Amino acid sequence: MPPFVIALVVLVGGFWALRKYSKLTPRESRIFTSKLVAVGVMGFAGLLMLRGQFTIGSGLLFFGMGLYGTAQLPSLKSLWQARQGKPNNFVPPRNRKREDALAILGLGEGASDEDIRRAHRQMMKDHHPDAGGSAEMASKINAAKDELLG
């Protein structure tokens, strides 16, 4: 393959990776980086194998495959710290239901119970089926209030 084709593939792939990387959360970016490194290692292994260096190439290929497969697993350090009862930098997954319910009612994270009731009352006035709103929207508003108030 001519060198300019390889350079073009690397350039386009780099732009794609930068564009995708800029939209990720920190956890997703770590996973994406690990997978990107794994793909690079496997590509380098394939190049070595094409040039006849099967011993090194096959080892790197299996290493890259393992790295790609374990990219989403926690590190051994964090597992060890959890076993020892030490705090680590683990961030629990976000509560999507709560965030979605707050978004439906147009509220922020620090909304009180009274704010939730007030927003629910106002939204139901605007979107109740008897007032010309849709039943689907009214059920979403009611579900959001139930989610937030328990």
Foldseek 3Di string as FASTA:
>chain_A
DDPVVVVVVVVVVVVVLVVVLVPDDPLVNQLSVQLVVLVVQLVVLVVCVVVPNPVVSVVSNVVSVVSNVCSNPDDPVVVVCVVVVHDDPDDDDDDVLLVVLCVLLVHDPPDDLVNLVVSLVVVCVVAPVVNPHDPVSNVSNVVSNVVVVD
